[in-house]
């Protein structure tokens, strides 16, 4: 079942784009100095740069995705690295009857 946080997260094209990029981080982001793209996730700074938005704006998008349970963040040094929560995404896709 989808809740309000999930619907809010999915109701924005930029957040859907982030989910798409995080599906295959190696194809969409450069190598990172700290943290492995696949194992640890993508640094929020790389996501902000690719979205073409400020760090605070990106942070708001990532916070909404995190609250919905679609992504999870891991802190490494002073950065937060994000990756998809595939189980939550599969459940949302099933509830919506879509693949993204």
PDB file of N, CA and C in Angstrom:
ATOM      1  N   UNK A   1       0.849  -1.180   0.000  1.00  0.00           N
ATOM      2  CA  UNK A   1       0.000   0.000   0.000  1.00  0.00           C
ATOM      3  C   UNK A   1       0.891   1.239   0.000  1.00  0.00           C
ATOM      4  N   UNK A   2       0.503   2.241  -0.764  1.00  0.00           N
ATOM      5  CA  UNK A   2       1.245   3.489  -0.853  1.00  0.00           C
ATOM      6  C   UNK A   2       0.738   4.480   0.190  1.00  0.00           C
ATOM      7  N   UNK A   3       1.673   5.158   0.856  1.00  0.00           N
ATOM      8  CA  UNK A   3       1.272   6.179   1.812  1.00  0.00           C
ATOM      9  C   UNK A   3       1.528   7.562   1.210  1.00  0.00           C
ATOM     10  N   UNK A   4       1.180   8.591   1.947  1.00  0.00           N
ATOM     11  CA  UNK A   4       1.303   9.967   1.463  1.00  0.00           C
ATOM     12  C   UNK A   4       2.754  10.317   1.160  1.00  0.00           C
ATOM     13  N   UNK A   5       3.685   9.910   2.020  1.00  0.00           N
ATOM     14  CA  UNK A   5       5.104  10.195   1.788  1.00  0.00           C
ATOM     15  C   UNK A   5       5.589   9.575   0.481  1.00  0.00           C
ATOM     16  N   UNK A   6       5.137   8.364   0.214  1.00  0.00           N
ATOM     17  CA  UNK A   6       5.530   7.676  -1.010  1.00  0.00           C
ATOM     18  C   UNK A   6       4.968   8.408  -2.234  1.00  0.00           C
ATOM     19  N   UNK A   7       3.707   8.770  -2.178  1.00  0.00           N
ATOM     20  CA  UNK A   7       3.094   9.482  -3.300  1.00  0.00           C
ATOM     21  C   UNK A   7       3.753  10.836  -3.526  1.00  0.00           C
ATOM     22  N   UNK A   8       4.083  11.527  -2.440  1.00  0.00           N
ATOM     23  CA  UNK A   8       4.777  12.812  -2.552  1.00  0.00           C
ATOM     24  C   UNK A   8       6.135  12.614  -3.214  1.00  0.00           C
ATOM     25  N   UNK A   9       6.849  11.595  -2.812  1.00  0.00           N
ATOM     26  CA  UNK A   9       8.178  11.336  -3.372  1.00  0.00           C
ATOM     27  C   UNK A   9       8.098  11.029  -4.861  1.00  0.00           C
ATOM     28  N   UNK A  10       7.091  10.284  -5.257  1.00  0.00           N
ATOM     29  CA  UNK A  10       6.964   9.858  -6.651  1.00  0.00           C
ATOM     30  C   UNK A  10       6.310  10.907  -7.546  1.00  0.00           C
ATOM     31  N   UNK A  11       5.799  11.975  -6.941  1.00  0.00           N
ATOM     32  CA  UNK A  11       5.091  12.989  -7.696  1.00  0.00           C
ATOM     33  C   UNK A  11       5.967  14.095  -8.246  1.00  0.00           C
ATOM     34  N   UNK A  12       7.269  13.855  -8.356  1.00  0.00           N
ATOM     35  CA  UNK A  12       8.186  14.884  -8.820  1.00  0.00           C
ATOM     36  C   UNK A  12       9.156  14.277  -9.835  1.00  0.00           C
ATOM     37  N   UNK A  13       9.263  14.904 -10.989  1.00  0.00           N
ATOM     38  CA  UNK A  13      10.132  14.381 -12.047  1.00  0.00           C
ATOM     39  C   UNK A  13      11.594  14.312 -11.639  1.00  0.00           C
ATOM     40  N   UNK A  14      12.070  15.270 -10.870  1.00  0.00           N
ATOM     41  CA  UNK A  14      13.481  15.243 -10.451  1.00  0.00           C
ATOM     42  C   UNK A  14      13.760  14.073  -9.521  1.00  0.00           C
ATOM     43  N   UNK A  15      12.839  13.794  -8.631  1.00  0.00           N
ATOM     44  CA  UNK A  15      13.044  12.656  -7.730  1.00  0.00           C
ATOM     45  C   UNK A  15      12.987  11.342  -8.500  1.00  0.00           C
ATOM     46  N   UNK A  16      12.096  11.254  -9.472  1.00  0.00           N
ATOM     47  CA  UNK A  16      12.066  10.051 -10.311  1.00  0.00           C
ATOM     48  C   UNK A  16      13.366   9.905 -11.095  1.00  0.00           C
ATOM     49  N   UNK A  17      13.940  11.029 -11.534  1.00  0.00           N
ATOM     50  CA  UNK A  17      15.211  10.995 -12.254  1.00  0.00           C
ATOM     51  C   UNK A  17      16.323  10.478 -11.350  1.00  0.00           C
ATOM     52  N   UNK A  18      16.345  10.926 -10.105  1.00  0.00           N
ATOM     53  CA  UNK A  18      17.352  10.448  -9.149  1.00  0.00           C
ATOM     54  C   UNK A  18      17.226   8.946  -8.966  1.00  0.00           C
ATOM     55  N   UNK A  19      15.999   8.453  -8.827  1.00  0.00           N
ATOM     56  CA  UNK A  19      15.803   7.007  -8.687  1.00  0.00           C
ATOM     57  C   UNK A  19      16.331   6.262  -9.906  1.00  0.00           C
ATOM     58  N   UNK A  20      16.100   6.821 -11.081  1.00  0.00           N
ATOM     59  CA  UNK A  20      16.592   6.188 -12.311  1.00  0.00           C
ATOM     60  C   UNK A  20      18.117   6.170 -12.326  1.00  0.00           C
ATOM     61  N   UNK A  21      18.750   7.273 -12.011  1.00  0.00           N
ATOM     62  CA  UNK A  21      20.219   7.331 -11.994  1.00  0.00           C
ATOM     63  C   UNK A  21      20.799   6.355 -10.983  1.00  0.00           C
ATOM     64  N   UNK A  22      20.165   6.241  -9.812  1.00  0.00           N
ATOM     65  CA  UNK A  22      20.684   5.358  -8.769  1.00  0.00           C
ATOM     66  C   UNK A  22      20.482   3.882  -9.103  1.00  0.00           C
ATOM     67  N   UNK A  23      19.630   3.600 -10.092  1.00  0.00           N
ATOM     68  CA  UNK A  23      19.458   2.213 -10.525  1.00  0.00           C
ATOM     69  C   UNK A  23      20.773   1.662 -11.079  1.00  0.00           C
ATOM     70  N   UNK A  24      21.531   2.506 -11.787  1.00  0.00           N
ATOM     71  CA  UNK A  24      22.819   2.119 -12.364  1.00  0.00           C
ATOM     72  C   UNK A  24      23.818   3.259 -12.133  1.00  0.00           C
ATOM     73  N   UNK A  25      24.315   3.382 -10.909  1.00  0.00           N
ATOM     74  CA  UNK A  25      25.159   4.534 -10.573  1.00  0.00           C
ATOM     75  C   UNK A  25      26.459   4.610 -11.368  1.00  0.00           C
ATOM     76  N   UNK A  26      27.025   3.479 -11.739  1.00  0.00           N
ATOM     77  CA  UNK A  26      28.283   3.476 -12.487  1.00  0.00           C
ATOM     78  C   UNK A  26      28.102   4.121 -13.859  1.00  0.00           C
ATOM     79  N   UNK A  27      26.940   3.936 -14.460  1.00  0.00           N
ATOM     80  CA  UNK A  27      26.664   4.512 -15.778  1.00  0.00           C
ATOM     81  C   UNK A  27      26.373   6.008 -15.712  1.00  0.00           C
ATOM     82  N   UNK A  28      25.977   6.506 -14.541  1.00  0.00           N
ATOM     83  CA  UNK A  28      25.520   7.888 -14.454  1.00  0.00           C
ATOM     84  C   UNK A  28      26.397   8.830 -13.642  1.00  0.00           C
ATOM     85  N   UNK A  29      27.343   8.287 -12.873  1.00  0.00           N
ATOM     86  CA  UNK A  29      28.166   9.132 -12.011  1.00  0.00           C
ATOM     87  C   UNK A  29      29.640   8.771 -12.155  1.00  0.00           C
ATOM     88  N   UNK A  30      30.520   9.760 -11.945  1.00  0.00           N
ATOM     89  CA  UNK A  30      31.957   9.475 -12.020  1.00  0.00           C
ATOM     90  C   UNK A  30      32.417   8.718 -10.767  1.00  0.00           C
ATOM     91  N   UNK A  31      33.584   8.097 -10.839  1.00  0.00           N
ATOM     92  CA  UNK A  31      34.122   7.429  -9.646  1.00  0.00           C
ATOM     93  C   UNK A  31      34.286   8.443  -8.504  1.00  0.00           C
ATOM     94  N   UNK A  32      34.116   7.952  -7.297  1.00  0.00           N
ATOM     95  CA  UNK A  32      34.224   8.800  -6.112  1.00  0.00           C
ATOM     96  C   UNK A  32      35.521   8.505  -5.383  1.00  0.00           C
ATOM     97  N   UNK A  33      36.031   9.517  -4.715  1.00  0.00           N
ATOM     98  CA  UNK A  33      37.235   9.328  -3.917  1.00  0.00           C
ATOM     99  C   UNK A  33      36.912   8.507  -2.667  1.00  0.00           C
ATOM    100  N   UNK A  34      35.820   8.845  -2.011  1.00  0.00           N
ATOM    101  CA  UNK A  34      35.382   8.119  -0.813  1.00  0.00           C
ATOM    102  C   UNK A  34      34.102   7.378  -1.148  1.00  0.00           C
ATOM    103  N   UNK A  35      34.060   6.115  -0.857  1.00  0.00           N
ATOM    104  CA  UNK A  35      32.842   5.343  -1.076  1.00  0.00           C
ATOM    105  C   UNK A  35      32.723   4.791  -2.479  1.00  0.00           C
ATOM    106  N   UNK A  36      32.344   3.548  -2.563  1.00  0.00           N
ATOM    107  CA  UNK A  36      32.127   2.867  -3.831  1.00  0.00           C
ATOM    108  C   UNK A  36      30.711   3.163  -4.324  1.00  0.00           C
ATOM    109  N   UNK A  37      30.563   3.498  -5.592  1.00  0.00           N
ATOM    110  CA  UNK A  37      29.255   3.846  -6.159  1.00  0.00           C
ATOM    111  C   UNK A  37      28.204   2.765  -5.936  1.00  0.00           C
ATOM    112  N   UNK A  38      28.587   1.518  -6.096  1.00  0.00           N
ATOM    113  CA  UNK A  38      27.630   0.420  -5.973  1.00  0.00           C
ATOM    114  C   UNK A  38      27.467  -0.005  -4.515  1.00  0.00           C
ATOM    115  N   UNK A  39      28.551  -0.236  -3.836  1.00  0.00           N
ATOM    116  CA  UNK A  39      28.496  -0.747  -2.463  1.00  0.00           C
ATOM    117  C   UNK A  39      27.981   0.300  -1.468  1.00  0.00           C
ATOM    118  N   UNK A  40      28.443   1.553  -1.600  1.00  0.00           N
ATOM    119  CA  UNK A  40      28.125   2.589  -0.613  1.00  0.00           C
ATOM    120  C   UNK A  40      27.059   3.570  -1.084  1.00  0.00           C
ATOM    121  N   UNK A  41      26.886   3.708  -2.394  1.00  0.00           N
ATOM    122  CA  UNK A  41      25.934   4.667  -2.930  1.00  0.00           C
ATOM    123  C   UNK A  41      26.646   5.865  -3.538  1.00  0.00           C
ATOM    124  N   UNK A  42      25.852   6.846  -3.942  1.00  0.00           N
ATOM    125  CA  UNK A  42      26.352   8.024  -4.640  1.00  0.00           C
ATOM    126  C   UNK A  42      26.332   9.207  -3.683  1.00  0.00           C
ATOM    127  N   UNK A  43      27.420   9.963  -3.676  1.00  0.00           N
ATOM    128  CA  UNK A  43      27.539  11.145  -2.827  1.00  0.00           C
ATOM    129  C   UNK A  43      26.473  12.170  -3.225  1.00  0.00           C
ATOM    130  N   UNK A  44      25.858  12.777  -2.239  1.00  0.00           N
ATOM    131  CA  UNK A  44      24.813  13.766  -2.498  1.00  0.00           C
ATOM    132  C   UNK A  44      25.322  14.931  -3.337  1.00  0.00           C
ATOM    133  N   UNK A  45      26.599  15.248  -3.235  1.00  0.00           N
ATOM    134  CA  UNK A  45      27.165  16.338  -4.037  1.00  0.00           C
ATOM    135  C   UNK A  45      27.122  16.009  -5.526  1.00  0.00           C
ATOM    136  N   UNK A  46      27.390  14.753  -5.878  1.00  0.00           N
ATOM    137  CA  UNK A  46      27.315  14.331  -7.278  1.00  0.00           C
ATOM    138  C   UNK A  46      25.869  14.393  -7.780  1.00  0.00           C
ATOM    139  N   UNK A  47      24.942  14.015  -6.919  1.00  0.00           N
ATOM    140  CA  UNK A  47      23.529  14.041  -7.310  1.00  0.00           C
ATOM    141  C   UNK A  47      23.086  15.486  -7.541  1.00  0.00           C
ATOM    142  N   UNK A  48      23.466  16.387  -6.644  1.00  0.00           N
ATOM    143  CA  UNK A  48      23.108  17.804  -6.789  1.00  0.00           C
ATOM    144  C   UNK A  48      23.674  18.376  -8.082  1.00  0.00           C
ATOM    145  N   UNK A  49      24.928  18.055  -8.357  1.00  0.00           N
ATOM    146  CA  UNK A  49      25.568  18.558  -9.570  1.00  0.00           C
ATOM    147  C   UNK A  49      24.855  18.050 -10.825  1.00  0.00           C
ATOM    148  N   UNK A  50      24.524  16.770 -10.839  1.00  0.00           N
ATOM    149  CA  UNK A  50      23.864  16.187 -12.015  1.00  0.00           C
ATOM    150  C   UNK A  50      22.449  16.745 -12.192  1.00  0.00           C
ATOM    151  N   UNK A  51      21.761  17.002 -11.074  1.00  0.00           N
ATOM    152  CA  UNK A  51      20.432  17.600 -11.146  1.00  0.00           C
ATOM    153  C   UNK A  51      20.491  19.072 -11.565  1.00  0.00           C
ATOM    154  N   UNK A  52      21.654  19.710 -11.340  1.00  0.00           N
ATOM    155  CA  UNK A  52      21.789  21.127 -11.649  1.00  0.00           C
ATOM    156  C   UNK A  52      21.103  22.016 -10.621  1.00  0.00           C
ATOM    157  N   UNK A  53      21.120  21.563  -9.368  1.00  0.00           N
ATOM    158  CA  UNK A  53      20.494  22.321  -8.287  1.00  0.00           C
ATOM    159  C   UNK A  53      21.496  22.515  -7.152  1.00  0.00           C
ATOM    160  N   UNK A  54      21.150  23.398  -6.228  1.00  0.00           N
ATOM    161  CA  UNK A  54      22.002  23.640  -5.068  1.00  0.00           C
ATOM    162  C   UNK A  54      21.976  22.433  -4.134  1.00  0.00           C
ATOM    163  N   UNK A  55      22.963  22.359  -3.258  1.00  0.00           N
ATOM    164  CA  UNK A  55      23.011  21.270  -2.281  1.00  0.00           C
ATOM    165  C   UNK A  55      21.765  21.254  -1.387  1.00  0.00           C
ATOM    166  N   UNK A  56      21.287  22.413  -0.895  1.00  0.00           N
ATOM    167  CA  UNK A  56      20.068  22.374  -0.074  1.00  0.00           C
ATOM    168  C   UNK A  56      18.834  21.877  -0.839  1.00  0.00           C
ATOM    169  N   UNK A  57      18.697  22.269  -2.096  1.00  0.00           N
ATOM    170  CA  UNK A  57      17.559  21.805  -2.898  1.00  0.00           C
ATOM    171  C   UNK A  57      17.653  20.303  -3.115  1.00  0.00           C
ATOM    172  N   UNK A  58      18.833  19.833  -3.447  1.00  0.00           N
ATOM    173  CA  UNK A  58      19.034  18.396  -3.618  1.00  0.00           C
ATOM    174  C   UNK A  58      18.758  17.666  -2.311  1.00  0.00           C
ATOM    175  N   UNK A  59      19.239  18.229  -1.220  1.00  0.00           N
ATOM    176  CA  UNK A  59      19.014  17.625   0.090  1.00  0.00           C
ATOM    177  C   UNK A  59      17.543  17.446   0.402  1.00  0.00           C
ATOM    178  N   UNK A  60      16.724  18.407  -0.008  1.00  0.00           N
ATOM    179  CA  UNK A  60      15.280  18.298   0.214  1.00  0.00           C
ATOM    180  C   UNK A  60      14.696  17.141  -0.606  1.00  0.00           C
ATOM    181  N   UNK A  61      15.118  17.032  -1.858  1.00  0.00           N
ATOM    182  CA  UNK A  61      14.652  15.911  -2.687  1.00  0.00           C
ATOM    183  C   UNK A  61      15.073  14.575  -2.067  1.00  0.00           C
ATOM    184  N   UNK A  62      16.317  14.477  -1.629  1.00  0.00           N
ATOM    185  CA  UNK A  62      16.815  13.234  -1.042  1.00  0.00           C
ATOM    186  C   UNK A  62      16.114  12.922   0.270  1.00  0.00           C
ATOM    187  N   UNK A  63      15.818  13.945   1.053  1.00  0.00           N
ATOM    188  CA  UNK A  63      15.104  13.744   2.316  1.00  0.00           C
ATOM    189  C   UNK A  63      13.708  13.172   2.058  1.00  0.00           C
ATOM    190  N   UNK A  64      13.027  13.691   1.051  1.00  0.00           N
ATOM    191  CA  UNK A  64      11.683  13.209   0.714  1.00  0.00           C
ATOM    192  C   UNK A  64      11.743  11.751   0.246  1.00  0.00           C
ATOM    193  N   UNK A  65      12.731  11.435  -0.597  1.00  0.00           N
ATOM    194  CA  UNK A  65      12.894  10.048  -1.049  1.00  0.00           C
ATOM    195  C   UNK A  65      13.230   9.125   0.120  1.00  0.00           C
ATOM    196  N   UNK A  66      14.060   9.610   1.043  1.00  0.00           N
ATOM    197  CA  UNK A  66      14.436   8.806   2.215  1.00  0.00           C
ATOM    198  C   UNK A  66      13.247   8.564   3.128  1.00  0.00           C
ATOM    199  N   UNK A  67      12.478   9.612   3.400  1.00  0.00           N
ATOM    200  CA  UNK A  67      11.297   9.459   4.267  1.00  0.00           C
ATOM    201  C   UNK A  67      10.299   8.476   3.681  1.00  0.00           C
ATOM    202  N   UNK A  68      10.230   8.438   2.355  1.00  0.00           N
ATOM    203  CA  UNK A  68       9.327   7.493   1.689  1.00  0.00           C
ATOM    204  C   UNK A  68       9.890   6.079   1.708  1.00  0.00           C
ATOM    205  N   UNK A  69      11.163   5.937   2.091  1.00  0.00           N
ATOM    206  CA  UNK A  69      11.783   4.618   2.154  1.00  0.00           C
ATOM    207  C   UNK A  69      12.330   4.128   0.831  1.00  0.00           C
ATOM    208  N   UNK A  70      12.372   5.004  -0.178  1.00  0.00           N
ATOM    209  CA  UNK A  70      12.833   4.588  -1.509  1.00  0.00           C
ATOM    210  C   UNK A  70      14.345   4.577  -1.638  1.00  0.00           C
ATOM    211  N   UNK A  71      15.027   5.377  -0.834  1.00  0.00           N
ATOM    212  CA  UNK A  71      16.489   5.385  -0.814  1.00  0.00           C
ATOM    213  C   UNK A  71      16.949   5.367   0.637  1.00  0.00           C
ATOM    214  N   UNK A  72      18.215   5.026   0.809  1.00  0.00           N
ATOM    215  CA  UNK A  72      18.804   5.083   2.150  1.00  0.00           C
ATOM    216  C   UNK A  72      20.178   5.723   2.040  1.00  0.00           C
ATOM    217  N   UNK A  73      20.509   6.468   3.060  1.00  0.00           N
ATOM    218  CA  UNK A  73      21.786   7.165   3.074  1.00  0.00           C
ATOM    219  C   UNK A  73      22.751   6.534   4.048  1.00  0.00           C
ATOM    220  N   UNK A  74      24.035   6.583   3.685  1.00  0.00           N
ATOM    221  CA  UNK A  74      25.110   6.104   4.538  1.00  0.00           C
ATOM    222  C   UNK A  74      26.128   7.223   4.665  1.00  0.00           C
ATOM    223  N   UNK A  75      26.443   7.602   5.887  1.00  0.00           N
ATOM    224  CA  UNK A  75      27.416   8.670   6.104  1.00  0.00           C
ATOM    225  C   UNK A  75      28.827   8.092   6.080  1.00  0.00           C
ATOM    226  N   UNK A  76      29.661   8.689   5.242  1.00  0.00           N
ATOM    227  CA  UNK A  76      31.083   8.347   5.164  1.00  0.00           C
ATOM    228  C   UNK A  76      31.837   9.658   5.247  1.00  0.00           C
ATOM    229  N   UNK A  77      32.647   9.785   6.294  1.00  0.00           N
ATOM    230  CA  UNK A  77      33.322  11.049   6.598  1.00  0.00           C
ATOM    231  C   UNK A  77      32.262  12.131   6.736  1.00  0.00           C
ATOM    232  N   UNK A  78      32.389  13.240   6.004  1.00  0.00           N
ATOM    233  CA  UNK A  78      31.401  14.314   6.145  1.00  0.00           C
ATOM    234  C   UNK A  78      30.302  14.254   5.093  1.00  0.00           C
ATOM    235  N   UNK A  79      30.300  13.216   4.257  1.00  0.00           N
ATOM    236  CA  UNK A  79      29.350  13.112   3.148  1.00  0.00           C
ATOM    237  C   UNK A  79      28.310  12.042   3.412  1.00  0.00           C
ATOM    238  N   UNK A  80      27.168  12.170   2.729  1.00  0.00           N
ATOM    239  CA  UNK A  80      26.145  11.127   2.782  1.00  0.00           C
ATOM    240  C   UNK A  80      26.014  10.551   1.375  1.00  0.00           C
ATOM    241  N   UNK A  81      26.051   9.235   1.307  1.00  0.00           N
ATOM    242  CA  UNK A  81      25.981   8.492   0.050  1.00  0.00           C
ATOM    243  C   UNK A  81      24.639   7.778  -0.011  1.00  0.00           C
ATOM    244  N   UNK A  82      23.971   7.866  -1.159  1.00  0.00           N
ATOM    245  CA  UNK A  82      22.620   7.343  -1.292  1.00  0.00           C
ATOM    246  C   UNK A  82      22.547   6.199  -2.288  1.00  0.00           C
ATOM    247  N   UNK A  83      21.691   5.215  -1.950  1.00  0.00           N
ATOM    248  CA  UNK A  83      21.401   4.126  -2.861  1.00  0.00           C
ATOM    249  C   UNK A  83      19.925   3.751  -2.727  1.00  0.00           C
ATOM    250  N   UNK A  84      19.416   3.128  -3.765  1.00  0.00           N
ATOM    251  CA  UNK A  84      18.012   2.730  -3.799  1.00  0.00           C
ATOM    252  C   UNK A  84      17.740   1.603  -2.803  1.00  0.00           C
ATOM    253  N   UNK A  85      16.534   1.591  -2.272  1.00  0.00           N
ATOM    254  CA  UNK A  85      16.056   0.460  -1.488  1.00  0.00           C
ATOM    255  C   UNK A  85      15.179  -0.350  -2.436  1.00  0.00           C
ATOM    256  N   UNK A  86      15.758  -1.353  -3.036  1.00  0.00           N
ATOM    257  CA  UNK A  86      15.083  -2.107  -4.100  1.00  0.00           C
ATOM    258  C   UNK A  86      13.805  -2.794  -3.633  1.00  0.00           C
ATOM    259  N   UNK A  87      13.761  -3.252  -2.392  1.00  0.00           N
ATOM    260  CA  UNK A  87      12.547  -3.905  -1.886  1.00  0.00           C
ATOM    261  C   UNK A  87      11.394  -2.906  -1.804  1.00  0.00           C
ATOM    262  N   UNK A  88      11.667  -1.713  -1.285  1.00  0.00           N
ATOM    263  CA  UNK A  88      10.628  -0.680  -1.177  1.00  0.00           C
ATOM    264  C   UNK A  88      10.177  -0.225  -2.562  1.00  0.00           C
ATOM    265  N   UNK A  89      11.122  -0.099  -3.481  1.00  0.00           N
ATOM    266  CA  UNK A  89      10.786   0.319  -4.836  1.00  0.00           C
ATOM    267  C   UNK A  89       9.927  -0.745  -5.525  1.00  0.00           C
ATOM    268  N   UNK A  90      10.285  -2.005  -5.340  1.00  0.00           N
ATOM    269  CA  UNK A  90       9.491  -3.094  -5.941  1.00  0.00           C
ATOM    270  C   UNK A  90       8.067  -3.087  -5.394  1.00  0.00           C
ATOM    271  N   UNK A  91       7.919  -2.844  -4.100  1.00  0.00           N
ATOM    272  CA  UNK A  91       6.581  -2.798  -3.504  1.00  0.00           C
ATOM    273  C   UNK A  91       5.781  -1.625  -4.065  1.00  0.00           C
ATOM    274  N   UNK A  92       6.418  -0.477  -4.227  1.00  0.00           N
ATOM    275  CA  UNK A  92       5.732   0.695  -4.786  1.00  0.00           C
ATOM    276  C   UNK A  92       5.358   0.445  -6.246  1.00  0.00           C
ATOM    277  N   UNK A  93       6.264  -0.145  -6.998  1.00  0.00           N
ATOM    278  CA  UNK A  93       5.977  -0.450  -8.399  1.00  0.00           C
ATOM    279  C   UNK A  93       4.792  -1.398  -8.510  1.00  0.00           C
ATOM    280  N   UNK A  94       4.770  -2.400  -7.643  1.00  0.00           N
ATOM    281  CA  UNK A  94       3.672  -3.362  -7.658  1.00  0.00           C
ATOM    282  C   UNK A  94       2.346  -2.662  -7.336  1.00  0.00           C
ATOM    283  N   UNK A  95       2.377  -1.798  -6.329  1.00  0.00           N
ATOM    284  CA  UNK A  95       1.156  -1.087  -5.926  1.00  0.00           C
ATOM    285  C   UNK A  95       0.655  -0.167  -7.029  1.00  0.00           C
ATOM    286  N   UNK A  96       1.592   0.412  -7.794  1.00  0.00           N
ATOM    287  CA  UNK A  96       1.217   1.325  -8.868  1.00  0.00           C
ATOM    288  C   UNK A  96       1.045   0.627 -10.211  1.00  0.00           C
ATOM    289  N   UNK A  97       1.518  -0.607 -10.299  1.00  0.00           N
ATOM    290  CA  UNK A  97       1.457  -1.326 -11.568  1.00  0.00           C
ATOM    291  C   UNK A  97       2.379  -0.724 -12.617  1.00  0.00           C
ATOM    292  N   UNK A  98       3.551  -0.198 -12.179  1.00  0.00           N
ATOM    293  CA  UNK A  98       4.498   0.452 -13.080  1.00  0.00           C
ATOM    294  C   UNK A  98       5.907  -0.063 -12.812  1.00  0.00           C
ATOM    295  N   UNK A  99       6.777   0.196 -13.797  1.00  0.00           N
ATOM    296  CA  UNK A  99       8.197  -0.095 -13.638  1.00  0.00           C
ATOM    297  C   UNK A  99       8.979   1.176 -13.897  1.00  0.00           C
ATOM    298  N   UNK A 100       9.780   1.611 -12.912  1.00  0.00           N
ATOM    299  CA  UNK A 100      10.636   2.787 -13.071  1.00  0.00           C
ATOM    300  C   UNK A 100      11.862   2.647 -12.224  1.00  0.00           C
TER     301      UNK A 100
END
